[in-house]
Amino acid sequence: MYEVKVPILGFNDKNKMNIKQLDNNYYILEMDRKEDTNMYLLSSNSVASFDIDINDEDLRKLQITEKTKISIYYTILINNPVSDSLVNLSAPIIINEDKKLMGQCIINSSNYLYDTLGKINI
């Protein structure tokens, strides 16, 4: 279970969430077990590498330093066909694995906004 330190967009009232692995690339963010509210995630390990700049306030809230083990996930909007599903590259979910802290960080300087699963070529 992770403590939410930077709110997940649209879920500002949720302060604890869990992540479950589906396979090497895909995960589920469990937001509310009672209401069965979940979000699909794509691991950053599945996406071509690009620089992201997290603002200092979010780094402070997530207690991230150069030595912190972090994980990065991107939210997915599922479409039919699945290859047309949208991946949000401008607001990754960042996790401090060492302290079990998480948050969704808006990347204002990102040249990447959205892409489809088909274009990412997982």
PDB file of N, CA and C in Angstrom:
ATOM      1  N   MET A   1       0.851  -1.176   0.000  1.00  0.00           N
ATOM      2  CA  MET A   1       0.000   0.000   0.000  1.00  0.00           C
ATOM      3  C   MET A   1       0.896   1.237   0.000  1.00  0.00           C
ATOM      4  N   TYR A   2       0.502   2.219  -0.796  1.00  0.00           N
ATOM      5  CA  TYR A   2       1.270   3.453  -0.921  1.00  0.00           C
ATOM      6  C   TYR A   2       0.475   4.627  -0.360  1.00  0.00           C
ATOM      7  N   GLU A   3       1.178   5.554   0.260  1.00  0.00           N
ATOM      8  CA  GLU A   3       0.555   6.784   0.731  1.00  0.00           C
ATOM      9  C   GLU A   3       0.642   7.825  -0.378  1.00  0.00           C
ATOM     10  N   VAL A   4      -0.492   8.436  -0.705  1.00  0.00           N
ATOM     11  CA  VAL A   4      -0.552   9.441  -1.770  1.00  0.00           C
ATOM     12  C   VAL A   4      -0.143  10.792  -1.193  1.00  0.00           C
ATOM     13  N   LYS A   5       0.955  11.333  -1.695  1.00  0.00           N
ATOM     14  CA  LYS A   5       1.473  12.626  -1.238  1.00  0.00           C
ATOM     15  C   LYS A   5       1.210  13.740  -2.244  1.00  0.00           C
ATOM     16  N   VAL A   6       1.071  13.386  -3.524  1.00  0.00           N
ATOM     17  CA  VAL A   6       0.691  14.327  -4.582  1.00  0.00           C
ATOM     18  C   VAL A   6      -0.559  13.707  -5.205  1.00  0.00           C
ATOM     19  N   PRO A   7      -1.720  14.393  -5.135  1.00  0.00           N
ATOM     20  CA  PRO A   7      -2.985  13.774  -5.535  1.00  0.00           C
ATOM     21  C   PRO A   7      -2.987  13.213  -6.959  1.00  0.00           C
ATOM     22  N   ILE A   8      -3.719  12.114  -7.115  1.00  0.00           N
ATOM     23  CA  ILE A   8      -3.990  11.539  -8.427  1.00  0.00           C
ATOM     24  C   ILE A   8      -5.151  12.350  -9.000  1.00  0.00           C
ATOM     25  N   LEU A   9      -4.997  12.898 -10.199  1.00  0.00           N
ATOM     26  CA  LEU A   9      -5.993  13.788 -10.776  1.00  0.00           C
ATOM     27  C   LEU A   9      -7.385  13.157 -10.748  1.00  0.00           C
ATOM     28  N   GLY A  10      -8.341  13.894 -10.178  1.00  0.00           N
ATOM     29  CA  GLY A  10      -9.712  13.425 -10.074  1.00  0.00           C
ATOM     30  C   GLY A  10      -9.996  12.602  -8.839  1.00  0.00           C
ATOM     31  N   PHE A  11      -8.960  12.280  -8.061  1.00  0.00           N
ATOM     32  CA  PHE A  11      -9.120  11.444  -6.877  1.00  0.00           C
ATOM     33  C   PHE A  11      -8.405  12.086  -5.687  1.00  0.00           C
ATOM     34  N   ASN A  12      -8.629  13.374  -5.496  1.00  0.00           N
ATOM     35  CA  ASN A  12      -7.936  14.140  -4.461  1.00  0.00           C
ATOM     36  C   ASN A  12      -8.219  13.651  -3.055  1.00  0.00           C
ATOM     37  N   ASP A  13      -9.341  12.953  -2.847  1.00  0.00           N
ATOM     38  CA  ASP A  13      -9.705  12.506  -1.514  1.00  0.00           C
ATOM     39  C   ASP A  13      -9.114  11.155  -1.136  1.00  0.00           C
ATOM     40  N   LYS A  14      -8.411  10.519  -2.053  1.00  0.00           N
ATOM     41  CA  LYS A  14      -7.824   9.201  -1.778  1.00  0.00           C
ATOM     42  C   LYS A  14      -6.396   9.375  -1.273  1.00  0.00           C
ATOM     43  N   ASN A  15      -6.121   8.824  -0.084  1.00  0.00           N
ATOM     44  CA  ASN A  15      -4.778   9.001   0.478  1.00  0.00           C
ATOM     45  C   ASN A  15      -3.973   7.708   0.570  1.00  0.00           C
ATOM     46  N   LYS A  16      -4.584   6.582   0.206  1.00  0.00           N
ATOM     47  CA  LYS A  16      -3.877   5.295   0.160  1.00  0.00           C
ATOM     48  C   LYS A  16      -4.323   4.561  -1.095  1.00  0.00           C
ATOM     49  N   MET A  17      -3.356   3.996  -1.817  1.00  0.00           N
ATOM     50  CA  MET A  17      -3.647   3.226  -3.028  1.00  0.00           C
ATOM     51  C   MET A  17      -2.662   2.079  -3.133  1.00  0.00           C
ATOM     52  N   ASN A  18      -3.035   1.106  -3.939  1.00  0.00           N
ATOM     53  CA  ASN A  18      -2.182  -0.057  -4.143  1.00  0.00           C
ATOM     54  C   ASN A  18      -1.984  -0.272  -5.641  1.00  0.00           C
ATOM     55  N   ILE A  19      -0.877  -0.885  -6.012  1.00  0.00           N
ATOM     56  CA  ILE A  19      -0.606  -1.207  -7.409  1.00  0.00           C
ATOM     57  C   ILE A  19      -0.434  -2.716  -7.526  1.00  0.00           C
ATOM     58  N   LYS A  20      -1.158  -3.305  -8.490  1.00  0.00           N
ATOM     59  CA  LYS A  20      -1.058  -4.741  -8.748  1.00  0.00           C
ATOM     60  C   LYS A  20      -0.525  -4.950 -10.152  1.00  0.00           C
ATOM     61  N   GLN A  21       0.443  -5.828 -10.285  1.00  0.00           N
ATOM     62  CA  GLN A  21       1.047  -6.140 -11.578  1.00  0.00           C
ATOM     63  C   GLN A  21       0.184  -7.144 -12.328  1.00  0.00           C
ATOM     64  N   LEU A  22      -0.089  -6.825 -13.618  1.00  0.00           N
ATOM     65  CA  LEU A  22      -0.815  -7.756 -14.483  1.00  0.00           C
ATOM     66  C   LEU A  22       0.156  -8.603 -15.292  1.00  0.00           C
ATOM     67  N   ASP A  23       1.175  -7.947 -15.872  1.00  0.00           N
ATOM     68  CA  ASP A  23       2.246  -8.636 -16.593  1.00  0.00           C
ATOM     69  C   ASP A  23       3.464  -7.726 -16.576  1.00  0.00           C
ATOM     70  N   ASN A  24       4.436  -7.937 -17.466  1.00  0.00           N
ATOM     71  CA  ASN A  24       5.665  -7.134 -17.443  1.00  0.00           C
ATOM     72  C   ASN A  24       5.434  -5.656 -17.737  1.00  0.00           C
ATOM     73  N   ASN A  25       4.377  -5.325 -18.470  1.00  0.00           N
ATOM     74  CA  ASN A  25       4.135  -3.950 -18.894  1.00  0.00           C
ATOM     75  C   ASN A  25       2.979  -3.261 -18.193  1.00  0.00           C
ATOM     76  N   TYR A  26       1.962  -4.012 -17.821  1.00  0.00           N
ATOM     77  CA  TYR A  26       0.710  -3.422 -17.354  1.00  0.00           C
ATOM     78  C   TYR A  26       0.455  -3.674 -15.873  1.00  0.00           C
ATOM     79  N   TYR A  27      -0.157  -2.657 -15.255  1.00  0.00           N
ATOM     80  CA  TYR A  27      -0.464  -2.682 -13.834  1.00  0.00           C
ATOM     81  C   TYR A  27      -1.859  -2.111 -13.624  1.00  0.00           C
ATOM     82  N   ILE A  28      -2.408  -2.342 -12.448  1.00  0.00           N
ATOM     83  CA  ILE A  28      -3.678  -1.736 -12.055  1.00  0.00           C
ATOM     84  C   ILE A  28      -3.426  -0.917 -10.799  1.00  0.00           C
ATOM     85  N   LEU A  29      -3.874   0.331 -10.824  1.00  0.00           N
ATOM     86  CA  LEU A  29      -3.844   1.181  -9.648  1.00  0.00           C
ATOM     87  C   LEU A  29      -5.192   1.029  -8.958  1.00  0.00           C
ATOM     88  N   GLU A  30      -5.179   0.407  -7.789  1.00  0.00           N
ATOM     89  CA  GLU A  30      -6.409   0.215  -7.017  1.00  0.00           C
ATOM     90  C   GLU A  30      -6.647   1.458  -6.173  1.00  0.00           C
ATOM     91  N   MET A  31      -7.699   2.195  -6.544  1.00  0.00           N
ATOM     92  CA  MET A  31      -7.986   3.456  -5.866  1.00  0.00           C
ATOM     93  C   MET A  31      -8.977   3.300  -4.726  1.00  0.00           C
ATOM     94  N   ASP A  32      -9.979   2.462  -4.935  1.00  0.00           N
ATOM     95  CA  ASP A  32     -11.024   2.291  -3.929  1.00  0.00           C
ATOM     96  C   ASP A  32     -11.575   0.879  -4.038  1.00  0.00           C
ATOM     97  N   ARG A  33     -11.245   0.050  -3.081  1.00  0.00           N
ATOM     98  CA  ARG A  33     -11.688  -1.352  -3.131  1.00  0.00           C
ATOM     99  C   ARG A  33     -13.199  -1.490  -2.943  1.00  0.00           C
ATOM    100  N   LYS A  34     -13.796  -0.646  -2.087  1.00  0.00           N
ATOM    101  CA  LYS A  34     -15.243  -0.719  -1.863  1.00  0.00           C
ATOM    102  C   LYS A  34     -16.014  -0.443  -3.140  1.00  0.00           C
ATOM    103  N   GLU A  35     -15.598   0.580  -3.884  1.00  0.00           N
ATOM    104  CA  GLU A  35     -16.293   0.970  -5.112  1.00  0.00           C
ATOM    105  C   GLU A  35     -15.712   0.284  -6.345  1.00  0.00           C
ATOM    106  N   ASP A  36     -14.670  -0.539  -6.149  1.00  0.00           N
ATOM    107  CA  ASP A  36     -13.996  -1.235  -7.248  1.00  0.00           C
ATOM    108  C   ASP A  36     -13.530  -0.240  -8.316  1.00  0.00           C
ATOM    109  N   THR A  37     -12.915   0.850  -7.872  1.00  0.00           N
ATOM    110  CA  THR A  37     -12.398   1.881  -8.769  1.00  0.00           C
ATOM    111  C   THR A  37     -10.922   1.634  -9.009  1.00  0.00           C
ATOM    112  N   ASN A  38     -10.580   1.415 -10.273  1.00  0.00           N
ATOM    113  CA  ASN A  38      -9.202   1.113 -10.653  1.00  0.00           C
ATOM    114  C   ASN A  38      -8.799   1.927 -11.870  1.00  0.00           C
ATOM    115  N   MET A  39      -7.504   2.037 -12.084  1.00  0.00           N
ATOM    116  CA  MET A  39      -6.956   2.704 -13.251  1.00  0.00           C
ATOM    117  C   MET A  39      -5.875   1.805 -13.838  1.00  0.00           C
ATOM    118  N   TYR A  40      -5.841   1.684 -15.153  1.00  0.00           N
ATOM    119  CA  TYR A  40      -4.802   0.893 -15.803  1.00  0.00           C
ATOM    120  C   TYR A  40      -3.557   1.745 -15.992  1.00  0.00           C
ATOM    121  N   LEU A  41      -2.405   1.104 -15.782  1.00  0.00           N
ATOM    122  CA  LEU A  41      -1.116   1.791 -15.875  1.00  0.00           C
ATOM    123  C   LEU A  41      -0.186   1.026 -16.801  1.00  0.00           C
ATOM    124  N   LEU A  42       0.722   1.780 -17.408  1.00  0.00           N
ATOM    125  CA  LEU A  42       1.779   1.225 -18.234  1.00  0.00           C
ATOM    126  C   LEU A  42       3.105   1.568 -17.577  1.00  0.00           C
ATOM    127  N   SER A  43       3.959   0.577 -17.382  1.00  0.00           N
ATOM    128  CA  SER A  43       5.262   0.805 -16.778  1.00  0.00           C
ATOM    129  C   SER A  43       6.128   1.657 -17.696  1.00  0.00           C
ATOM    130  N   SER A  44       6.904   2.557 -17.118  1.00  0.00           N
ATOM    131  CA  SER A  44       7.814   3.388 -17.919  1.00  0.00           C
ATOM    132  C   SER A  44       8.881   2.540 -18.592  1.00  0.00           C
ATOM    133  N   ASN A  45       9.134   1.327 -18.075  1.00  0.00           N
ATOM    134  CA  ASN A  45      10.101   0.430 -18.700  1.00  0.00           C
ATOM    135  C   ASN A  45       9.650  -0.021 -20.078  1.00  0.00           C
ATOM    136  N   SER A  46       8.360   0.164 -20.383  1.00  0.00           N
ATOM    137  CA  SER A  46       7.786  -0.258 -21.654  1.00  0.00           C
ATOM    138  C   SER A  46       7.798   0.842 -22.703  1.00  0.00           C
ATOM    139  N   VAL A  47       8.197   2.037 -22.313  1.00  0.00           N
ATOM    140  CA  VAL A  47       8.127   3.219 -23.180  1.00  0.00           C
ATOM    141  C   VAL A  47       9.542   3.654 -23.521  1.00  0.00           C
ATOM    142  N   ALA A  48       9.720   4.153 -24.747  1.00  0.00           N
ATOM    143  CA  ALA A  48      11.021   4.698 -25.131  1.00  0.00           C
ATOM    144  C   ALA A  48      11.444   5.754 -24.118  1.00  0.00           C
ATOM    145  N   SER A  49      12.680   5.767 -23.791  1.00  0.00           N
ATOM    146  CA  SER A  49      13.204   6.672 -22.774  1.00  0.00           C
ATOM    147  C   SER A  49      13.150   8.131 -23.226  1.00  0.00           C
ATOM    148  N   PHE A  50      12.663   8.980 -22.328  1.00  0.00           N
ATOM    149  CA  PHE A  50      12.732  10.417 -22.547  1.00  0.00           C
ATOM    150  C   PHE A  50      12.807  11.085 -21.183  1.00  0.00           C
ATOM    151  N   ASP A  51      13.372  12.288 -21.169  1.00  0.00           N
ATOM    152  CA  ASP A  51      13.568  13.000 -19.914  1.00  0.00           C
ATOM    153  C   ASP A  51      12.257  13.583 -19.409  1.00  0.00           C
ATOM    154  N   ILE A  52      12.038  13.461 -18.109  1.00  0.00           N
ATOM    155  CA  ILE A  52      10.927  14.153 -17.485  1.00  0.00           C
ATOM    156  C   ILE A  52      11.494  15.021 -16.376  1.00  0.00           C
ATOM    157  N   ASP A  53      10.888  16.175 -16.200  1.00  0.00           N
ATOM    158  CA  ASP A  53      11.346  17.135 -15.207  1.00  0.00           C
ATOM    159  C   ASP A  53      10.263  17.283 -14.152  1.00  0.00           C
ATOM    160  N   ILE A  54      10.511  16.730 -12.966  1.00  0.00           N
ATOM    161  CA  ILE A  54       9.562  16.809 -11.867  1.00  0.00           C
ATOM    162  C   ILE A  54       9.876  18.053 -11.060  1.00  0.00           C
ATOM    163  N   ASN A  55       8.840  18.849 -10.766  1.00  0.00           N
ATOM    164  CA  ASN A  55       9.093  20.098 -10.053  1.00  0.00           C
ATOM    165  C   ASN A  55       9.573  19.829  -8.626  1.00  0.00           C
ATOM    166  N   ASP A  56      10.272  20.806  -8.070  1.00  0.00           N
ATOM    167  CA  ASP A  56      10.907  20.650  -6.756  1.00  0.00           C
ATOM    168  C   ASP A  56       9.908  20.363  -5.641  1.00  0.00           C
ATOM    169  N   GLU A  57       8.724  20.975  -5.706  1.00  0.00           N
ATOM    170  CA  GLU A  57       7.715  20.750  -4.663  1.00  0.00           C
ATOM    171  C   GLU A  57       7.260  19.285  -4.640  1.00  0.00           C
ATOM    172  N   ASP A  58       7.015  18.710  -5.821  1.00  0.00           N
ATOM    173  CA  ASP A  58       6.622  17.299  -5.887  1.00  0.00           C
ATOM    174  C   ASP A  58       7.752  16.387  -5.416  1.00  0.00           C
ATOM    175  N   LEU A  59       8.990  16.702  -5.784  1.00  0.00           N
ATOM    176  CA  LEU A  59      10.137  15.917  -5.313  1.00  0.00           C
ATOM    177  C   LEU A  59      10.219  15.936  -3.789  1.00  0.00           C
ATOM    178  N   ARG A  60       9.968  17.110  -3.213  1.00  0.00           N
ATOM    179  CA  ARG A  60      10.003  17.256  -1.757  1.00  0.00           C
ATOM    180  C   ARG A  60       8.882  16.435  -1.113  1.00  0.00           C
ATOM    181  N   LYS A  61       7.653  16.549  -1.638  1.00  0.00           N
ATOM    182  CA  LYS A  61       6.514  15.812  -1.070  1.00  0.00           C
ATOM    183  C   LYS A  61       6.723  14.302  -1.159  1.00  0.00           C
ATOM    184  N   LEU A  62       7.330  13.857  -2.244  1.00  0.00           N
ATOM    185  CA  LEU A  62       7.581  12.426  -2.435  1.00  0.00           C
ATOM    186  C   LEU A  62       8.897  11.968  -1.805  1.00  0.00           C
ATOM    187  N   GLN A  63       9.634  12.911  -1.225  1.00  0.00           N
ATOM    188  CA  GLN A  63      10.906  12.641  -0.549  1.00  0.00           C
ATOM    189  C   GLN A  63      11.893  11.923  -1.467  1.00  0.00           C
ATOM    190  N   ILE A  64      11.978  12.408  -2.706  1.00  0.00           N
ATOM    191  CA  ILE A  64      12.861  11.798  -3.701  1.00  0.00           C
ATOM    192  C   ILE A  64      14.197  12.529  -3.743  1.00  0.00           C
ATOM    193  N   THR A  65      15.267  11.747  -3.639  1.00  0.00           N
ATOM    194  CA  THR A  65      16.625  12.266  -3.794  1.00  0.00           C
ATOM    195  C   THR A  65      17.288  11.474  -4.921  1.00  0.00           C
ATOM    196  N   GLU A  66      18.528  11.765  -5.189  1.00  0.00           N
ATOM    197  CA  GLU A  66      19.267  11.059  -6.244  1.00  0.00           C
ATOM    198  C   GLU A  66      19.398   9.562  -5.950  1.00  0.00           C
ATOM    199  N   LYS A  67      19.336   9.176  -4.682  1.00  0.00           N
ATOM    200  CA  LYS A  67      19.534   7.777  -4.302  1.00  0.00           C
ATOM    201  C   LYS A  67      18.224   6.997  -4.137  1.00  0.00           C
ATOM    202  N   THR A  68      17.096   7.676  -4.266  1.00  0.00           N
ATOM    203  CA  THR A  68      15.799   7.040  -4.051  1.00  0.00           C
ATOM    204  C   THR A  68      15.463   6.083  -5.192  1.00  0.00           C
ATOM    205  N   LYS A  69      14.967   4.907  -4.840  1.00  0.00           N
ATOM    206  CA  LYS A  69      14.481   3.971  -5.851  1.00  0.00           C
ATOM    207  C   LYS A  69      13.064   4.407  -6.224  1.00  0.00           C
ATOM    208  N   ILE A  70      12.864   4.722  -7.509  1.00  0.00           N
ATOM    209  CA  ILE A  70      11.551   5.170  -7.954  1.00  0.00           C
ATOM    210  C   ILE A  70      11.014   4.260  -9.063  1.00  0.00           C
ATOM    211  N   SER A  71       9.705   4.270  -9.197  1.00  0.00           N
ATOM    212  CA  SER A  71       9.017   3.639 -10.315  1.00  0.00           C
ATOM    213  C   SER A  71       8.151   4.700 -10.959  1.00  0.00           C
ATOM    214  N   ILE A  72       7.991   4.598 -12.270  1.00  0.00           N
ATOM    215  CA  ILE A  72       7.183   5.565 -13.016  1.00  0.00           C
ATOM    216  C   ILE A  72       6.169   4.790 -13.851  1.00  0.00           C
ATOM    217  N   TYR A  73       4.925   5.248 -13.791  1.00  0.00           N
ATOM    218  CA  TYR A  73       3.838   4.623 -14.544  1.00  0.00           C
ATOM    219  C   TYR A  73       3.051   5.705 -15.288  1.00  0.00           C
ATOM    220  N   TYR A  74       2.469   5.316 -16.408  1.00  0.00           N
ATOM    221  CA  TYR A  74       1.629   6.225 -17.198  1.00  0.00           C
ATOM    222  C   TYR A  74       0.212   5.663 -17.225  1.00  0.00           C
ATOM    223  N   THR A  75      -0.774   6.547 -17.083  1.00  0.00           N
ATOM    224  CA  THR A  75      -2.166   6.113 -17.108  1.00  0.00           C
ATOM    225  C   THR A  75      -2.607   5.839 -18.543  1.00  0.00           C
ATOM    226  N   ILE A  76      -3.563   4.915 -18.669  1.00  0.00           N
ATOM    227  CA  ILE A  76      -4.050   4.495 -19.984  1.00  0.00           C
ATOM    228  C   ILE A  76      -5.561   4.673 -20.044  1.00  0.00           C
ATOM    229  N   LEU A  77      -6.040   5.231 -21.140  1.00  0.00           N
ATOM    230  CA  LEU A  77      -7.464   5.288 -21.450  1.00  0.00           C
ATOM    231  C   LEU A  77      -7.712   4.208 -22.491  1.00  0.00           C
ATOM    232  N   ILE A  78      -8.429   3.165 -22.095  1.00  0.00           N
ATOM    233  CA  ILE A  78      -8.626   1.998 -22.960  1.00  0.00           C
ATOM    234  C   ILE A  78      -9.637   2.314 -24.061  1.00  0.00           C
ATOM    235  N   ASN A  79      -9.269   2.021 -25.296  1.00  0.00           N
ATOM    236  CA  ASN A  79     -10.131   2.184 -26.472  1.00  0.00           C
ATOM    237  C   ASN A  79     -10.243   0.850 -27.198  1.00  0.00           C
ATOM    238  N   ASN A  80     -11.145   0.809 -28.143  1.00  0.00           N
ATOM    239  CA  ASN A  80     -11.312  -0.364 -28.999  1.00  0.00           C
ATOM    240  C   ASN A  80     -11.053   0.068 -30.435  1.00  0.00           C
ATOM    241  N   PRO A  81     -10.039  -0.474 -31.097  1.00  0.00           N
ATOM    242  CA  PRO A  81      -9.152  -1.550 -30.664  1.00  0.00           C
ATOM    243  C   PRO A  81      -8.154  -1.063 -29.609  1.00  0.00           C
ATOM    244  N   VAL A  82      -7.600  -2.004 -28.886  1.00  0.00           N
ATOM    245  CA  VAL A  82      -6.674  -1.685 -27.799  1.00  0.00           C
ATOM    246  C   VAL A  82      -5.478  -0.877 -28.292  1.00  0.00           C
ATOM    247  N   SER A  83      -5.039  -1.095 -29.517  1.00  0.00           N
ATOM    248  CA  SER A  83      -3.886  -0.356 -30.049  1.00  0.00           C
ATOM    249  C   SER A  83      -4.165   1.145 -30.142  1.00  0.00           C
ATOM    250  N   ASP A  84      -5.454   1.545 -30.134  1.00  0.00           N
ATOM    251  CA  ASP A  84      -5.831   2.965 -30.147  1.00  0.00           C
ATOM    252  C   ASP A  84      -5.967   3.549 -28.747  1.00  0.00           C
ATOM    253  N   SER A  85      -5.695   2.754 -27.721  1.00  0.00           N
ATOM    254  CA  SER A  85      -5.773   3.250 -26.345  1.00  0.00           C
ATOM    255  C   SER A  85      -4.748   4.359 -26.148  1.00  0.00           C
ATOM    256  N   LEU A  86      -5.140   5.386 -25.375  1.00  0.00           N
ATOM    257  CA  LEU A  86      -4.271   6.543 -25.161  1.00  0.00           C
ATOM    258  C   LEU A  86      -3.445   6.397 -23.893  1.00  0.00           C
ATOM    259  N   VAL A  87      -2.166   6.741 -24.004  1.00  0.00           N
ATOM    260  CA  VAL A  87      -1.255   6.737 -22.871  1.00  0.00           C
ATOM    261  C   VAL A  87      -0.920   8.188 -22.555  1.00  0.00           C
ATOM    262  N   ASN A  88      -1.180   8.612 -21.313  1.00  0.00           N
ATOM    263  CA  ASN A  88      -0.903   9.974 -20.879  1.00  0.00           C
ATOM    264  C   ASN A  88       0.564  10.063 -20.457  1.00  0.00           C
ATOM    265  N   LEU A  89       1.377  10.689 -21.291  1.00  0.00           N
ATOM    266  CA  LEU A  89       2.811  10.813 -21.017  1.00  0.00           C
ATOM    267  C   LEU A  89       3.154  12.091 -20.262  1.00  0.00           C
ATOM    268  N   SER A  90       2.178  12.991 -20.083  1.00  0.00           N
ATOM    269  CA  SER A  90       2.469  14.284 -19.469  1.00  0.00           C
ATOM    270  C   SER A  90       2.140  14.338 -17.979  1.00  0.00           C
ATOM    271  N   ALA A  91       1.583  13.268 -17.419  1.00  0.00           N
ATOM    272  CA  ALA A  91       1.248  13.252 -15.993  1.00  0.00           C
ATOM    273  C   ALA A  91       1.522  11.867 -15.404  1.00  0.00           C
ATOM    274  N   PRO A  92       2.789  11.490 -15.336  1.00  0.00           N
ATOM    275  CA  PRO A  92       3.116  10.156 -14.818  1.00  0.00           C
ATOM    276  C   PRO A  92       2.835  10.035 -13.321  1.00  0.00           C
ATOM    277  N   ILE A  93       2.622   8.806 -12.914  1.00  0.00           N
ATOM    278  CA  ILE A  93       2.513   8.497 -11.495  1.00  0.00           C
ATOM    279  C   ILE A  93       3.903   8.071 -11.049  1.00  0.00           C
ATOM    280  N   ILE A  94       4.430   8.807 -10.096  1.00  0.00           N
ATOM    281  CA  ILE A  94       5.787   8.592  -9.598  1.00  0.00           C
ATOM    282  C   ILE A  94       5.680   7.941  -8.218  1.00  0.00           C
ATOM    283  N   ILE A  95       6.484   6.914  -8.013  1.00  0.00           N
ATOM    284  CA  ILE A  95       6.460   6.201  -6.733  1.00  0.00           C
ATOM    285  C   ILE A  95       7.852   6.174  -6.117  1.00  0.00           C
ATOM    286  N   ASN A  96       7.924   6.584  -4.872  1.00  0.00           N
ATOM    287  CA  ASN A  96       9.116   6.424  -4.053  1.00  0.00           C
ATOM    288  C   ASN A  96       8.993   5.039  -3.432  1.00  0.00           C
ATOM    289  N   GLU A  97       9.706   4.076  -4.007  1.00  0.00           N
ATOM    290  CA  GLU A  97       9.612   2.684  -3.545  1.00  0.00           C
ATOM    291  C   GLU A  97      10.215   2.500  -2.154  1.00  0.00           C
ATOM    292  N   ASP A  98      11.195   3.322  -1.816  1.00  0.00           N
ATOM    293  CA  ASP A  98      11.858   3.197  -0.517  1.00  0.00           C
ATOM    294  C   ASP A  98      10.919   3.551   0.634  1.00  0.00           C
ATOM    295  N   LYS A  99      10.105   4.593   0.441  1.00  0.00           N
ATOM    296  CA  LYS A  99       9.241   5.077   1.522  1.00  0.00           C
ATOM    297  C   LYS A  99       7.762   4.818   1.264  1.00  0.00           C
ATOM    298  N   LYS A 100       7.444   4.135   0.149  1.00  0.00           N
ATOM    299  CA  LYS A 100       6.062   3.784  -0.194  1.00  0.00           C
ATOM    300  C   LYS A 100       5.175   5.033  -0.306  1.00  0.00           C
ATOM    301  N   LEU A 101       5.705   6.042  -1.035  1.00  0.00           N
ATOM    302  CA  LEU A 101       4.972   7.275  -1.293  1.00  0.00           C
ATOM    303  C   LEU A 101       4.697   7.375  -2.780  1.00  0.00           C
ATOM    304  N   MET A 102       3.573   7.999  -3.147  1.00  0.00           N
ATOM    305  CA  MET A 102       3.246   8.116  -4.562  1.00  0.00           C
ATOM    306  C   MET A 102       2.534   9.419  -4.849  1.00  0.00           C
ATOM    307  N   GLY A 103       2.526   9.788  -6.149  1.00  0.00           N
ATOM    308  CA  GLY A 103       1.784  10.954  -6.585  1.00  0.00           C
ATOM    309  C   GLY A 103       1.809  11.072  -8.092  1.00  0.00           C
ATOM    310  N   GLN A 104       0.837  11.822  -8.619  1.00  0.00           N
ATOM    311  CA  GLN A 104       0.795  12.085 -10.053  1.00  0.00           C
ATOM    312  C   GLN A 104       1.374  13.466 -10.286  1.00  0.00           C
ATOM    313  N   CYS A 105       2.446  13.512 -11.055  1.00  0.00           N
ATOM    314  CA  CYS A 105       3.181  14.751 -11.275  1.00  0.00           C
ATOM    315  C   CYS A 105       2.940  15.258 -12.696  1.00  0.00           C
ATOM    316  N   ILE A 106       2.518  16.507 -12.795  1.00  0.00           N
ATOM    317  CA  ILE A 106       2.289  17.131 -14.095  1.00  0.00           C
ATOM    318  C   ILE A 106       3.635  17.596 -14.631  1.00  0.00           C
ATOM    319  N   ILE A 107       3.963  17.155 -15.835  1.00  0.00           N
ATOM    320  CA  ILE A 107       5.231  17.517 -16.466  1.00  0.00           C
ATOM    321  C   ILE A 107       4.956  18.665 -17.437  1.00  0.00           C
ATOM    322  N   ASN A 108       5.106  19.887 -16.958  1.00  0.00           N
ATOM    323  CA  ASN A 108       4.780  21.064 -17.770  1.00  0.00           C
ATOM    324  C   ASN A 108       5.687  21.243 -18.964  1.00  0.00           C
ATOM    325  N   SER A 109       6.929  20.831 -18.835  1.00  0.00           N
ATOM    326  CA  SER A 109       7.894  21.058 -19.920  1.00  0.00           C
ATOM    327  C   SER A 109       7.935  19.903 -20.914  1.00  0.00           C
ATOM    328  N   SER A 110       7.018  18.974 -20.780  1.00  0.00           N
ATOM    329  CA  SER A 110       7.047  17.782 -21.625  1.00  0.00           C
ATOM    330  C   SER A 110       6.662  18.100 -23.063  1.00  0.00           C
ATOM    331  N   ASN A 111       7.427  17.551 -23.989  1.00  0.00           N
ATOM    332  CA  ASN A 111       7.077  17.641 -25.405  1.00  0.00           C
ATOM    333  C   ASN A 111       6.099  16.531 -25.773  1.00  0.00           C
ATOM    334  N   TYR A 112       5.887  15.622 -24.856  1.00  0.00           N
ATOM    335  CA  TYR A 112       5.017  14.476 -25.065  1.00  0.00           C
ATOM    336  C   TYR A 112       3.742  14.685 -24.264  1.00  0.00           C
ATOM    337  N   LEU A 113       2.601  14.528 -24.894  1.00  0.00           N
ATOM    338  CA  LEU A 113       1.349  14.644 -24.173  1.00  0.00           C
ATOM    339  C   LEU A 113       0.661  13.293 -24.094  1.00  0.00           C
ATOM    340  N   TYR A 114       0.257  12.789 -25.241  1.00  0.00           N
ATOM    341  CA  TYR A 114      -0.411  11.503 -25.330  1.00  0.00           C
ATOM    342  C   TYR A 114       0.156  10.757 -26.529  1.00  0.00           C
ATOM    343  N   ASP A 115       0.071   9.463 -26.461  1.00  0.00           N
ATOM    344  CA  ASP A 115       0.386   8.626 -27.605  1.00  0.00           C
ATOM    345  C   ASP A 115      -0.478   7.389 -27.490  1.00  0.00           C
ATOM    346  N   THR A 116      -0.591   6.647 -28.556  1.00  0.00           N
ATOM    347  CA  THR A 116      -1.391   5.418 -28.524  1.00  0.00           C
ATOM    348  C   THR A 116      -0.499   4.226 -28.237  1.00  0.00           C
ATOM    349  N   LEU A 117      -1.096   3.180 -27.704  1.00  0.00           N
ATOM    350  CA  LEU A 117      -0.338   1.949 -27.461  1.00  0.00           C
ATOM    351  C   LEU A 117       0.261   1.423 -28.755  1.00  0.00           C
ATOM    352  N   GLY A 118      -0.461   1.575 -29.860  1.00  0.00           N
ATOM    353  CA  GLY A 118       0.024   1.115 -31.150  1.00  0.00           C
ATOM    354  C   GLY A 118       1.289   1.834 -31.588  1.00  0.00           C
ATOM    355  N   LYS A 119       1.395   3.128 -31.317  1.00  0.00           N
ATOM    356  CA  LYS A 119       2.574   3.902 -31.700  1.00  0.00           C
ATOM    357  C   LYS A 119       3.742   3.673 -30.771  1.00  0.00           C
ATOM    358  N   ILE A 120       3.449   3.360 -29.518  1.00  0.00           N
ATOM    359  CA  ILE A 120       4.531   3.107 -28.553  1.00  0.00           C
ATOM    360  C   ILE A 120       5.201   1.772 -28.863  1.00  0.00           C
ATOM    361  N   ASN A 121       4.489   0.860 -29.509  1.00  0.00           N
ATOM    362  CA  ASN A 121       5.034  -0.446 -29.903  1.00  0.00           C
ATOM    363  C   ASN A 121       5.557  -1.256 -28.732  1.00  0.00           C
ATOM    364  N   ILE A 122       4.685  -1.595 -27.848  1.00  0.00           N
ATOM    365  CA  ILE A 122       5.073  -2.412 -26.697  1.00  0.00           C
ATOM    366  C   ILE A 122       5.285  -3.839 -27.142  1.00  0.00           C
TER     367      ILE A 122
END
